[in-house]
């Protein structure tokens, strides 16, 4: 069958699409995690899950950079 092959998807592109739901919340959480600020509560106006996901990544990088 012609044209029935799946379209290849770049895994990085998929991750970016998932992350871009509330990019501002993610990056605000990331910066807070890098600074060592508390993880909760998320600031008003930000999506809690995206903010926390960013905070986790920022906190992990902060901890790794201490070594």
PDB file of N, CA and C in Angstrom:
ATOM      1  N   UNK A   1       0.828  -1.193   0.000  1.00  0.00           N
ATOM      2  CA  UNK A   1       0.000   0.000   0.000  1.00  0.00           C
ATOM      3  C   UNK A   1       0.867   1.249   0.000  1.00  0.00           C
ATOM      4  N   UNK A   2       0.576   2.088  -0.893  1.00  0.00           N
ATOM      5  CA  UNK A   2       1.350   3.311  -1.004  1.00  0.00           C
ATOM      6  C   UNK A   2       0.855   4.348   0.013  1.00  0.00           C
ATOM      7  N   UNK A   3       1.794   4.964   0.709  1.00  0.00           N
ATOM      8  CA  UNK A   3       1.433   6.011   1.653  1.00  0.00           C
ATOM      9  C   UNK A   3       0.982   5.528   3.021  1.00  0.00           C
ATOM     10  N   UNK A   4       1.141   4.242   3.312  1.00  0.00           N
ATOM     11  CA  UNK A   4       0.670   3.744   4.602  1.00  0.00           C
ATOM     12  C   UNK A   4       1.781   3.652   5.642  1.00  0.00           C
ATOM     13  N   UNK A   5       2.988   4.072   5.278  1.00  0.00           N
ATOM     14  CA  UNK A   5       4.088   4.011   6.228  1.00  0.00           C
ATOM     15  C   UNK A   5       3.950   5.142   7.246  1.00  0.00           C
ATOM     16  N   UNK A   6       4.292   4.852   8.514  1.00  0.00           N
ATOM     17  CA  UNK A   6       4.187   5.911   9.530  1.00  0.00           C
ATOM     18  C   UNK A   6       5.213   7.010   9.277  1.00  0.00           C
ATOM     19  N   UNK A   7       4.853   8.198   9.628  1.00  0.00           N
ATOM     20  CA  UNK A   7       5.759   9.340   9.497  1.00  0.00           C
ATOM     21  C   UNK A   7       6.709   9.314  10.686  1.00  0.00           C
ATOM     22  N   UNK A   8       8.037   9.316  10.431  1.00  0.00           N
ATOM     23  CA  UNK A   8       8.975   9.287  11.551  1.00  0.00           C
ATOM     24  C   UNK A   8       8.853  10.557  12.391  1.00  0.00           C
ATOM     25  N   UNK A   9       8.946  10.385  13.695  1.00  0.00           N
ATOM     26  CA  UNK A   9       8.832  11.518  14.614  1.00  0.00           C
ATOM     27  C   UNK A   9      10.134  11.632  15.387  1.00  0.00           C
ATOM     28  N   UNK A  10      10.678  12.812  15.393  1.00  0.00           N
ATOM     29  CA  UNK A  10      11.882  13.086  16.156  1.00  0.00           C
ATOM     30  C   UNK A  10      11.511  13.079  17.643  1.00  0.00           C
ATOM     31  N   UNK A  11      12.148  12.215  18.464  1.00  0.00           N
ATOM     32  CA  UNK A  11      11.777  12.156  19.889  1.00  0.00           C
ATOM     33  C   UNK A  11      11.976  13.482  20.617  1.00  0.00           C
ATOM     34  N   UNK A  12      12.956  14.280  20.196  1.00  0.00           N
ATOM     35  CA  UNK A  12      13.168  15.581  20.834  1.00  0.00           C
ATOM     36  C   UNK A  12      12.022  16.532  20.509  1.00  0.00           C
ATOM     37  N   UNK A  13      11.520  16.430  19.283  1.00  0.00           N
ATOM     38  CA  UNK A  13      10.386  17.267  18.888  1.00  0.00           C
ATOM     39  C   UNK A  13       9.153  16.906  19.706  1.00  0.00           C
ATOM     40  N   UNK A  14       8.949  15.620  19.939  1.00  0.00           N
ATOM     41  CA  UNK A  14       7.803  15.177  20.736  1.00  0.00           C
ATOM     42  C   UNK A  14       7.914  15.728  22.153  1.00  0.00           C
ATOM     43  N   UNK A  15       9.106  15.680  22.734  1.00  0.00           N
ATOM     44  CA  UNK A  15       9.294  16.184  24.095  1.00  0.00           C
ATOM     45  C   UNK A  15       9.024  17.682  24.157  1.00  0.00           C
ATOM     46  N   UNK A  16       9.494  18.406  23.151  1.00  0.00           N
ATOM     47  CA  UNK A  16       9.259  19.843  23.129  1.00  0.00           C
ATOM     48  C   UNK A  16       7.777  20.163  23.008  1.00  0.00           C
ATOM     49  N   UNK A  17       7.045  19.375  22.202  1.00  0.00           N
ATOM     50  CA  UNK A  17       5.608  19.603  22.073  1.00  0.00           C
ATOM     51  C   UNK A  17       4.921  19.371  23.407  1.00  0.00           C
ATOM     52  N   UNK A  18       5.337  18.332  24.136  1.00  0.00           N
ATOM     53  CA  UNK A  18       4.724  18.052  25.427  1.00  0.00           C
ATOM     54  C   UNK A  18       5.043  19.167  26.409  1.00  0.00           C
ATOM     55  N   UNK A  19       6.260  19.646  26.371  1.00  0.00           N
ATOM     56  CA  UNK A  19       6.699  20.652  27.323  1.00  0.00           C
ATOM     57  C   UNK A  19       6.076  22.009  27.041  1.00  0.00           C
ATOM     58  N   UNK A  20       5.723  22.287  25.799  1.00  0.00           N
ATOM     59  CA  UNK A  20       5.289  23.629  25.449  1.00  0.00           C
ATOM     60  C   UNK A  20       3.863  23.954  25.892  1.00  0.00           C
ATOM     61  N   UNK A  21       3.205  23.063  26.647  1.00  0.00           N
ATOM     62  CA  UNK A  21       1.863  23.373  27.149  1.00  0.00           C
ATOM     63  C   UNK A  21       1.860  24.692  27.887  1.00  0.00           C
ATOM     64  N   UNK A  22       2.787  24.860  28.800  1.00  0.00           N
ATOM     65  CA  UNK A  22       2.918  26.124  29.525  1.00  0.00           C
ATOM     66  C   UNK A  22       4.407  26.373  29.727  1.00  0.00           C
ATOM     67  N   UNK A  23       5.051  26.802  28.660  1.00  0.00           N
ATOM     68  CA  UNK A  23       6.496  26.974  28.658  1.00  0.00           C
ATOM     69  C   UNK A  23       6.949  27.984  29.703  1.00  0.00           C
ATOM     70  N   UNK A  24       6.181  29.050  29.910  1.00  0.00           N
ATOM     71  CA  UNK A  24       6.567  30.054  30.902  1.00  0.00           C
ATOM     72  C   UNK A  24       6.612  29.451  32.300  1.00  0.00           C
ATOM     73  N   UNK A  25       5.630  28.615  32.624  1.00  0.00           N
ATOM     74  CA  UNK A  25       5.595  27.978  33.943  1.00  0.00           C
ATOM     75  C   UNK A  25       6.786  27.050  34.115  1.00  0.00           C
ATOM     76  N   UNK A  26       7.114  26.295  33.074  1.00  0.00           N
ATOM     77  CA  UNK A  26       8.246  25.368  33.151  1.00  0.00           C
ATOM     78  C   UNK A  26       9.535  26.125  33.441  1.00  0.00           C
ATOM     79  N   UNK A  27       9.802  27.178  32.662  1.00  0.00           N
ATOM     80  CA  UNK A  27      11.066  27.895  32.826  1.00  0.00           C
ATOM     81  C   UNK A  27      11.124  28.682  34.131  1.00  0.00           C
ATOM     82  N   UNK A  28       9.995  29.172  34.603  1.00  0.00           N
ATOM     83  CA  UNK A  28       9.979  29.844  35.910  1.00  0.00           C
ATOM     84  C   UNK A  28      10.306  28.839  37.009  1.00  0.00           C
ATOM     85  N   UNK A  29       9.728  27.644  36.919  1.00  0.00           N
ATOM     86  CA  UNK A  29      10.036  26.592  37.884  1.00  0.00           C
ATOM     87  C   UNK A  29      11.486  26.161  37.799  1.00  0.00           C
ATOM     88  N   UNK A  30      12.007  26.080  36.585  1.00  0.00           N
ATOM     89  CA  UNK A  30      13.407  25.697  36.378  1.00  0.00           C
ATOM     90  C   UNK A  30      14.339  26.694  37.071  1.00  0.00           C
ATOM     91  N   UNK A  31      14.080  27.985  36.857  1.00  0.00           N
ATOM     92  CA  UNK A  31      14.928  29.011  37.484  1.00  0.00           C
ATOM     93  C   UNK A  31      14.838  28.944  39.009  1.00  0.00           C
ATOM     94  N   UNK A  32      13.641  28.694  39.529  1.00  0.00           N
ATOM     95  CA  UNK A  32      13.477  28.585  40.983  1.00  0.00           C
ATOM     96  C   UNK A  32      14.249  27.383  41.516  1.00  0.00           C
ATOM     97  N   UNK A  33      14.203  26.275  40.805  1.00  0.00           N
ATOM     98  CA  UNK A  33      14.951  25.086  41.218  1.00  0.00           C
ATOM     99  C   UNK A  33      16.447  25.323  41.190  1.00  0.00           C
ATOM    100  N   UNK A  34      16.929  26.034  40.172  1.00  0.00           N
ATOM    101  CA  UNK A  34      18.364  26.337  40.074  1.00  0.00           C
ATOM    102  C   UNK A  34      18.815  27.226  41.229  1.00  0.00           C
ATOM    103  N   UNK A  35      17.927  28.097  41.698  1.00  0.00           N
ATOM    104  CA  UNK A  35      18.272  29.010  42.799  1.00  0.00           C
ATOM    105  C   UNK A  35      18.111  28.364  44.168  1.00  0.00           C
ATOM    106  N   UNK A  36      17.472  27.194  44.213  1.00  0.00           N
ATOM    107  CA  UNK A  36      17.263  26.527  45.490  1.00  0.00           C
ATOM    108  C   UNK A  36      16.042  27.019  46.240  1.00  0.00           C
ATOM    109  N   UNK A  37      15.120  27.652  45.545  1.00  0.00           N
ATOM    110  CA  UNK A  37      13.889  28.126  46.179  1.00  0.00           C
ATOM    111  C   UNK A  37      12.951  26.952  46.449  1.00  0.00           C
ATOM    112  N   UNK A  38      11.993  27.090  47.363  1.00  0.00           N
ATOM    113  CA  UNK A  38      11.059  26.001  47.666  1.00  0.00           C
ATOM    114  C   UNK A  38      10.246  25.587  46.442  1.00  0.00           C
ATOM    115  N   UNK A  39       9.880  24.302  46.403  1.00  0.00           N
ATOM    116  CA  UNK A  39       9.169  23.769  45.237  1.00  0.00           C
ATOM    117  C   UNK A  39       7.680  24.063  45.258  1.00  0.00           C
ATOM    118  N   UNK A  40       7.143  24.405  46.396  1.00  0.00           N
ATOM    119  CA  UNK A  40       5.690  24.638  46.468  1.00  0.00           C
ATOM    120  C   UNK A  40       5.447  25.821  47.390  1.00  0.00           C
ATOM    121  N   UNK A  41       4.417  26.537  47.193  1.00  0.00           N
ATOM    122  CA  UNK A  41       3.420  26.449  46.128  1.00  0.00           C
ATOM    123  C   UNK A  41       3.928  27.130  44.863  1.00  0.00           C
ATOM    124  N   UNK A  42       3.365  26.739  43.740  1.00  0.00           N
ATOM    125  CA  UNK A  42       3.699  27.388  42.468  1.00  0.00           C
ATOM    126  C   UNK A  42       3.115  28.798  42.488  1.00  0.00           C
ATOM    127  N   UNK A  43       3.801  29.744  41.892  1.00  0.00           N
ATOM    128  CA  UNK A  43       3.271  31.109  41.857  1.00  0.00           C
ATOM    129  C   UNK A  43       1.909  31.173  41.162  1.00  0.00           C
ATOM    130  N   UNK A  44       1.097  32.107  41.578  1.00  0.00           N
ATOM    131  CA  UNK A  44      -0.235  32.273  40.971  1.00  0.00           C
ATOM    132  C   UNK A  44      -0.099  32.543  39.479  1.00  0.00           C
ATOM    133  N   UNK A  45      -0.988  31.968  38.711  1.00  0.00           N
ATOM    134  CA  UNK A  45      -0.993  32.178  37.267  1.00  0.00           C
ATOM    135  C   UNK A  45      -0.199  31.155  36.486  1.00  0.00           C
ATOM    136  N   UNK A  46       0.528  30.272  37.162  1.00  0.00           N
ATOM    137  CA  UNK A  46       1.301  29.240  36.477  1.00  0.00           C
ATOM    138  C   UNK A  46       0.640  27.888  36.663  1.00  0.00           C
ATOM    139  N   UNK A  47       0.780  27.033  35.653  1.00  0.00           N
ATOM    140  CA  UNK A  47       0.301  25.663  35.754  1.00  0.00           C
ATOM    141  C   UNK A  47       1.184  24.920  36.760  1.00  0.00           C
ATOM    142  N   UNK A  48       0.569  24.322  37.786  1.00  0.00           N
ATOM    143  CA  UNK A  48       1.327  23.674  38.860  1.00  0.00           C
ATOM    144  C   UNK A  48       2.228  22.553  38.364  1.00  0.00           C
ATOM    145  N   UNK A  49       1.714  21.693  37.492  1.00  0.00           N
ATOM    146  CA  UNK A  49       2.478  20.537  37.024  1.00  0.00           C
ATOM    147  C   UNK A  49       3.677  20.981  36.193  1.00  0.00           C
ATOM    148  N   UNK A  50       3.471  21.913  35.277  1.00  0.00           N
ATOM    149  CA  UNK A  50       4.579  22.391  34.449  1.00  0.00           C
ATOM    150  C   UNK A  50       5.618  23.115  35.301  1.00  0.00           C
ATOM    151  N   UNK A  51       5.166  23.891  36.270  1.00  0.00           N
ATOM    152  CA  UNK A  51       6.096  24.607  37.144  1.00  0.00           C
ATOM    153  C   UNK A  51       6.929  23.611  37.949  1.00  0.00           C
ATOM    154  N   UNK A  52       6.278  22.593  38.497  1.00  0.00           N
ATOM    155  CA  UNK A  52       6.994  21.591  39.287  1.00  0.00           C
ATOM    156  C   UNK A  52       7.962  20.794  38.421  1.00  0.00           C
ATOM    157  N   UNK A  53       7.571  20.461  37.192  1.00  0.00           N
ATOM    158  CA  UNK A  53       8.473  19.739  36.286  1.00  0.00           C
ATOM    159  C   UNK A  53       9.733  20.565  36.030  1.00  0.00           C
ATOM    160  N   UNK A  54       9.575  21.849  35.811  1.00  0.00           N
ATOM    161  CA  UNK A  54      10.726  22.723  35.622  1.00  0.00           C
ATOM    162  C   UNK A  54      11.569  22.818  36.877  1.00  0.00           C
ATOM    163  N   UNK A  55      10.910  22.905  38.030  1.00  0.00           N
ATOM    164  CA  UNK A  55      11.629  22.998  39.301  1.00  0.00           C
ATOM    165  C   UNK A  55      12.479  21.749  39.527  1.00  0.00           C
ATOM    166  N   UNK A  56      11.929  20.581  39.234  1.00  0.00           N
ATOM    167  CA  UNK A  56      12.663  19.320  39.419  1.00  0.00           C
ATOM    168  C   UNK A  56      13.921  19.312  38.556  1.00  0.00           C
ATOM    169  N   UNK A  57      13.803  19.712  37.302  1.00  0.00           N
ATOM    170  CA  UNK A  57      14.974  19.727  36.421  1.00  0.00           C
ATOM    171  C   UNK A  57      15.997  20.765  36.876  1.00  0.00           C
ATOM    172  N   UNK A  58      15.536  21.941  37.272  1.00  0.00           N
ATOM    173  CA  UNK A  58      16.454  22.973  37.744  1.00  0.00           C
ATOM    174  C   UNK A  58      17.152  22.565  39.028  1.00  0.00           C
ATOM    175  N   UNK A  59      16.416  21.956  39.952  1.00  0.00           N
ATOM    176  CA  UNK A  59      17.000  21.498  41.209  1.00  0.00           C
ATOM    177  C   UNK A  59      18.035  20.403  40.964  1.00  0.00           C
ATOM    178  N   UNK A  60      17.736  19.497  40.045  1.00  0.00           N
ATOM    179  CA  UNK A  60      18.684  18.419  39.730  1.00  0.00           C
ATOM    180  C   UNK A  60      19.980  18.996  39.165  1.00  0.00           C
ATOM    181  N   UNK A  61      19.878  19.968  38.280  1.00  0.00           N
ATOM    182  CA  UNK A  61      21.087  20.588  37.722  1.00  0.00           C
ATOM    183  C   UNK A  61      21.873  21.323  38.801  1.00  0.00           C
ATOM    184  N   UNK A  62      21.167  21.992  39.706  1.00  0.00           N
ATOM    185  CA  UNK A  62      21.854  22.704  40.796  1.00  0.00           C
ATOM    186  C   UNK A  62      22.625  21.722  41.657  1.00  0.00           C
ATOM    187  N   UNK A  63      22.000  20.606  41.992  1.00  0.00           N
ATOM    188  CA  UNK A  63      22.665  19.603  42.827  1.00  0.00           C
ATOM    189  C   UNK A  63      23.855  18.966  42.113  1.00  0.00           C
ATOM    190  N   UNK A  64      23.718  18.726  40.809  1.00  0.00           N
ATOM    191  CA  UNK A  64      24.824  18.140  40.052  1.00  0.00           C
ATOM    192  C   UNK A  64      25.981  19.116  39.906  1.00  0.00           C
ATOM    193  N   UNK A  65      25.691  20.403  39.825  1.00  0.00           N
ATOM    194  CA  UNK A  65      26.759  21.389  39.642  1.00  0.00           C
ATOM    195  C   UNK A  65      27.560  21.603  40.925  1.00  0.00           C
ATOM    196  N   UNK A  66      27.020  21.194  42.069  1.00  0.00           N
ATOM    197  CA  UNK A  66      27.749  21.316  43.333  1.00  0.00           C
ATOM    198  C   UNK A  66      28.912  20.336  43.403  1.00  0.00           C
ATOM    199  N   UNK A  67      28.781  19.216  42.704  1.00  0.00           N
ATOM    200  CA  UNK A  67      29.824  18.170  42.769  1.00  0.00           C
ATOM    201  C   UNK A  67      31.083  18.550  42.063  1.00  0.00           C
TER     202      UNK A  67
END
